[in-house]
Every structure is written in C-alpha cells, then in structure tokens.
C-alpha cells in the first residue's frame, strides 16, 4: 500500500465495528463484505458515520441483493444502501462499480459522503 500510495496514511485495526472504537476523526472508511452479517444495520452505519470528518467518505462493497442465504444472511442492494445512507445522514451516495458474482448475482462498490 505504501509503495503505491506513498502520501497516504493507512492504519489497520482489528476490532468489532459494531462496538464503539477509539478512533480519531477519519477521512474515510472502507467496509467490504461485512455489513451483510448484521440484520440491524442502521445503528452500525450511524456509528461508523460518526467517525468521519466533514467531507469524509464511506466506501461500501456488498452483494447487490436484498434476500440472502446461509452464507450471506442479510445483504443489501445498492438501492437499499442508498436509502440507508441517506437515513443515516450521508449527503451523497453514488455507485462506483459492479462485478458479477456466482453467489448472489452481483457485487457493487459505492461511496457515500458526509
């Protein structure tokens, strides 16, 4: 990461994102294939948004489906994410990309800004 983006500081932290974390105000967060394990997403997303600075970005990578299976119990489609992000106080959300998936049709990435 450092070789490719030498002017960016990345700090990795292994923690339970459903619990409060001692973090400084962040420029951005990336969450990939994790939110779909939680039925009640709003409190989690609100907490994560609270870690971001004004103008901060939240990048989400998820399955583009609203009906899950035993391995991906609570996915959220891009349209569902758009609504949830707005409900949690994000100002803008946009779709970045989609790729096919053999598990739940498609995976997307999206960015939501504070």
C-alpha atoms as a PDB file:
ATOM      1  CA  UNK A   1       0.000   0.000   0.000  1.00  0.00           C
ATOM      2  CA  UNK A   2       2.740   2.435   0.975  1.00  0.00           C
ATOM      3  CA  UNK A   3       4.683   1.797  -2.252  1.00  0.00           C
ATOM      4  CA  UNK A   4       1.655   2.534  -4.403  1.00  0.00           C
ATOM      5  CA  UNK A   5       0.278   5.453  -2.363  1.00  0.00           C
ATOM      6  CA  UNK A   6       3.266   6.971  -0.533  1.00  0.00           C
ATOM      7  CA  UNK A   7       1.433  10.152   0.518  1.00  0.00           C
ATOM      8  CA  UNK A   8      -1.487   8.265   2.104  1.00  0.00           C
ATOM      9  CA  UNK A   9      -1.522   7.091   5.691  1.00  0.00           C
ATOM     10  CA  UNK A  10      -3.401   3.843   6.258  1.00  0.00           C
ATOM     11  CA  UNK A  11      -3.884   2.419   9.730  1.00  0.00           C
ATOM     12  CA  UNK A  12      -5.262  -1.102  10.076  1.00  0.00           C
ATOM     13  CA  UNK A  13      -7.138  -2.013  13.232  1.00  0.00           C
ATOM     14  CA  UNK A  14      -8.667  -5.382  14.040  1.00  0.00           C
ATOM     15  CA  UNK A  15     -11.781  -4.662  16.077  1.00  0.00           C
ATOM     16  CA  UNK A  16     -15.522  -5.261  16.354  1.00  0.00           C
ATOM     17  CA  UNK A  17     -17.073  -2.495  14.279  1.00  0.00           C
ATOM     18  CA  UNK A  18     -20.438  -2.985  15.998  1.00  0.00           C
ATOM     19  CA  UNK A  19     -18.929  -1.640  19.222  1.00  0.00           C
ATOM     20  CA  UNK A  20     -17.591   1.869  19.930  1.00  0.00           C
ATOM     21  CA  UNK A  21     -13.998   2.320  18.766  1.00  0.00           C
ATOM     22  CA  UNK A  22     -11.437   4.837  19.980  1.00  0.00           C
ATOM     23  CA  UNK A  23     -10.679   6.492  16.661  1.00  0.00           C
ATOM     24  CA  UNK A  24      -9.625   9.983  15.658  1.00  0.00           C
ATOM     25  CA  UNK A  25     -11.804  11.744  13.067  1.00  0.00           C
ATOM     26  CA  UNK A  26     -11.269   9.871   9.804  1.00  0.00           C
ATOM     27  CA  UNK A  27     -11.083  10.965   6.183  1.00  0.00           C
ATOM     28  CA  UNK A  28     -12.567   7.679   5.050  1.00  0.00           C
ATOM     29  CA  UNK A  29     -13.662   4.146   5.831  1.00  0.00           C
ATOM     30  CA  UNK A  30     -13.815   1.011   3.686  1.00  0.00           C
ATOM     31  CA  UNK A  31     -16.218  -1.782   4.572  1.00  0.00           C
ATOM     32  CA  UNK A  32     -16.147  -4.866   2.355  1.00  0.00           C
ATOM     33  CA  UNK A  33     -18.438  -7.872   2.706  1.00  0.00           C
ATOM     34  CA  UNK A  34     -19.091  -7.339   6.405  1.00  0.00           C
ATOM     35  CA  UNK A  35     -22.338  -5.430   6.835  1.00  0.00           C
ATOM     36  CA  UNK A  36     -24.380  -8.312   5.397  1.00  0.00           C
ATOM     37  CA  UNK A  37     -23.786 -10.322   8.586  1.00  0.00           C
ATOM     38  CA  UNK A  38     -25.953  -7.916  10.601  1.00  0.00           C
ATOM     39  CA  UNK A  39     -29.714  -7.667  10.441  1.00  0.00           C
ATOM     40  CA  UNK A  40     -29.945  -4.257  12.137  1.00  0.00           C
ATOM     41  CA  UNK A  41     -27.646  -2.090  10.058  1.00  0.00           C
ATOM     42  CA  UNK A  42     -28.779   1.431  10.925  1.00  0.00           C
ATOM     43  CA  UNK A  43     -27.109   1.696  14.372  1.00  0.00           C
ATOM     44  CA  UNK A  44     -23.863   0.350  12.913  1.00  0.00           C
ATOM     45  CA  UNK A  45     -23.877   2.728   9.954  1.00  0.00           C
ATOM     46  CA  UNK A  46     -24.710   5.702  12.191  1.00  0.00           C
ATOM     47  CA  UNK A  47     -21.787   4.828  14.477  1.00  0.00           C
ATOM     48  CA  UNK A  48     -19.404   4.460  11.540  1.00  0.00           C
ATOM     49  CA  UNK A  49     -20.572   7.745  10.007  1.00  0.00           C
ATOM     50  CA  UNK A  50     -19.809   9.407  13.331  1.00  0.00           C
ATOM     51  CA  UNK A  51     -16.127   8.534  12.916  1.00  0.00           C
ATOM     52  CA  UNK A  52     -15.851  10.526   9.687  1.00  0.00           C
ATOM     53  CA  UNK A  53     -14.721  14.118   9.347  1.00  0.00           C
ATOM     54  CA  UNK A  54     -16.941  16.543   7.436  1.00  0.00           C
ATOM     55  CA  UNK A  55     -16.421  15.640   3.797  1.00  0.00           C
ATOM     56  CA  UNK A  56     -15.353  12.115   4.780  1.00  0.00           C
ATOM     57  CA  UNK A  57     -16.122   9.139   2.574  1.00  0.00           C
ATOM     58  CA  UNK A  58     -17.515   5.711   3.333  1.00  0.00           C
ATOM     59  CA  UNK A  59     -16.796   3.079   0.683  1.00  0.00           C
ATOM     60  CA  UNK A  60     -19.037   0.025   0.839  1.00  0.00           C
ATOM     61  CA  UNK A  61     -18.537  -3.248  -1.036  1.00  0.00           C
ATOM     62  CA  UNK A  62     -21.538  -5.556  -0.816  1.00  0.00           C
ATOM     63  CA  UNK A  63     -23.742  -8.043  -2.628  1.00  0.00           C
ATOM     64  CA  UNK A  64     -26.375  -6.329  -4.754  1.00  0.00           C
ATOM     65  CA  UNK A  65     -29.329  -8.256  -3.319  1.00  0.00           C
ATOM     66  CA  UNK A  66     -31.880  -7.878  -0.550  1.00  0.00           C
ATOM     67  CA  UNK A  67     -32.553 -11.583   0.015  1.00  0.00           C
ATOM     68  CA  UNK A  68     -29.733 -13.619   1.489  1.00  0.00           C
ATOM     69  CA  UNK A  69     -28.703 -17.193   2.044  1.00  0.00           C
ATOM     70  CA  UNK A  70     -26.962 -19.054   4.897  1.00  0.00           C
ATOM     71  CA  UNK A  71     -23.550 -17.605   3.922  1.00  0.00           C
ATOM     72  CA  UNK A  72     -24.713 -14.042   3.260  1.00  0.00           C
ATOM     73  CA  UNK A  73     -27.679 -13.714   5.611  1.00  0.00           C
ATOM     74  CA  UNK A  74     -28.611 -10.000   5.287  1.00  0.00           C
ATOM     75  CA  UNK A  75     -27.287  -8.470   2.069  1.00  0.00           C
ATOM     76  CA  UNK A  76     -28.337  -5.013   0.951  1.00  0.00           C
ATOM     77  CA  UNK A  77     -28.748  -3.933  -2.623  1.00  0.00           C
ATOM     78  CA  UNK A  78     -27.318  -0.682  -3.855  1.00  0.00           C
ATOM     79  CA  UNK A  79     -30.802   0.880  -3.791  1.00  0.00           C
ATOM     80  CA  UNK A  80     -31.235  -0.225  -0.182  1.00  0.00           C
ATOM     81  CA  UNK A  81     -27.801   1.164   0.685  1.00  0.00           C
ATOM     82  CA  UNK A  82     -28.673   4.487  -0.951  1.00  0.00           C
ATOM     83  CA  UNK A  83     -31.762   4.814   1.251  1.00  0.00           C
ATOM     84  CA  UNK A  84     -29.966   3.667   4.418  1.00  0.00           C
ATOM     85  CA  UNK A  85     -27.026   6.016   3.810  1.00  0.00           C
ATOM     86  CA  UNK A  86     -29.383   8.962   3.435  1.00  0.00           C
ATOM     87  CA  UNK A  87     -31.318   7.922   6.541  1.00  0.00           C
ATOM     88  CA  UNK A  88     -28.020   7.806   8.476  1.00  0.00           C
ATOM     89  CA  UNK A  89     -27.023  11.310   7.458  1.00  0.00           C
ATOM     90  CA  UNK A  90     -24.835  10.865   4.400  1.00  0.00           C
ATOM     91  CA  UNK A  91     -25.226  13.731   1.938  1.00  0.00           C
ATOM     92  CA  UNK A  92     -24.411  11.910  -1.295  1.00  0.00           C
ATOM     93  CA  UNK A  93     -24.121   8.290  -2.395  1.00  0.00           C
ATOM     94  CA  UNK A  94     -23.037   7.021  -5.769  1.00  0.00           C
ATOM     95  CA  UNK A  95     -22.411   3.671  -7.353  1.00  0.00           C
ATOM     96  CA  UNK A  96     -18.757   3.113  -8.266  1.00  0.00           C
ATOM     97  CA  UNK A  97     -18.773  -0.282  -9.976  1.00  0.00           C
ATOM     98  CA  UNK A  98     -20.406  -3.701 -10.175  1.00  0.00           C
ATOM     99  CA  UNK A  99     -18.954  -7.126 -10.894  1.00  0.00           C
ATOM    100  CA  UNK A 100     -20.728 -10.438 -11.434  1.00  0.00           C
ATOM    101  CA  UNK A 101     -20.899 -12.884  -8.552  1.00  0.00           C
ATOM    102  CA  UNK A 102     -21.857 -16.535  -8.685  1.00  0.00           C
ATOM    103  CA  UNK A 103     -23.267 -16.347  -5.157  1.00  0.00           C
ATOM    104  CA  UNK A 104     -25.794 -13.512  -5.234  1.00  0.00           C
ATOM    105  CA  UNK A 105     -25.740 -12.269  -8.829  1.00  0.00           C
ATOM    106  CA  UNK A 106     -23.561  -9.187  -8.368  1.00  0.00           C
ATOM    107  CA  UNK A 107     -21.245  -7.281  -6.034  1.00  0.00           C
ATOM    108  CA  UNK A 108     -21.128  -3.489  -6.038  1.00  0.00           C
ATOM    109  CA  UNK A 109     -18.984  -0.766  -4.619  1.00  0.00           C
ATOM    110  CA  UNK A 110     -20.433   2.571  -3.607  1.00  0.00           C
ATOM    111  CA  UNK A 111     -19.189   5.720  -1.929  1.00  0.00           C
ATOM    112  CA  UNK A 112     -21.225   7.823   0.489  1.00  0.00           C
ATOM    113  CA  UNK A 113     -20.045  11.251   1.598  1.00  0.00           C
ATOM    114  CA  UNK A 114     -20.759  13.160   4.778  1.00  0.00           C
END
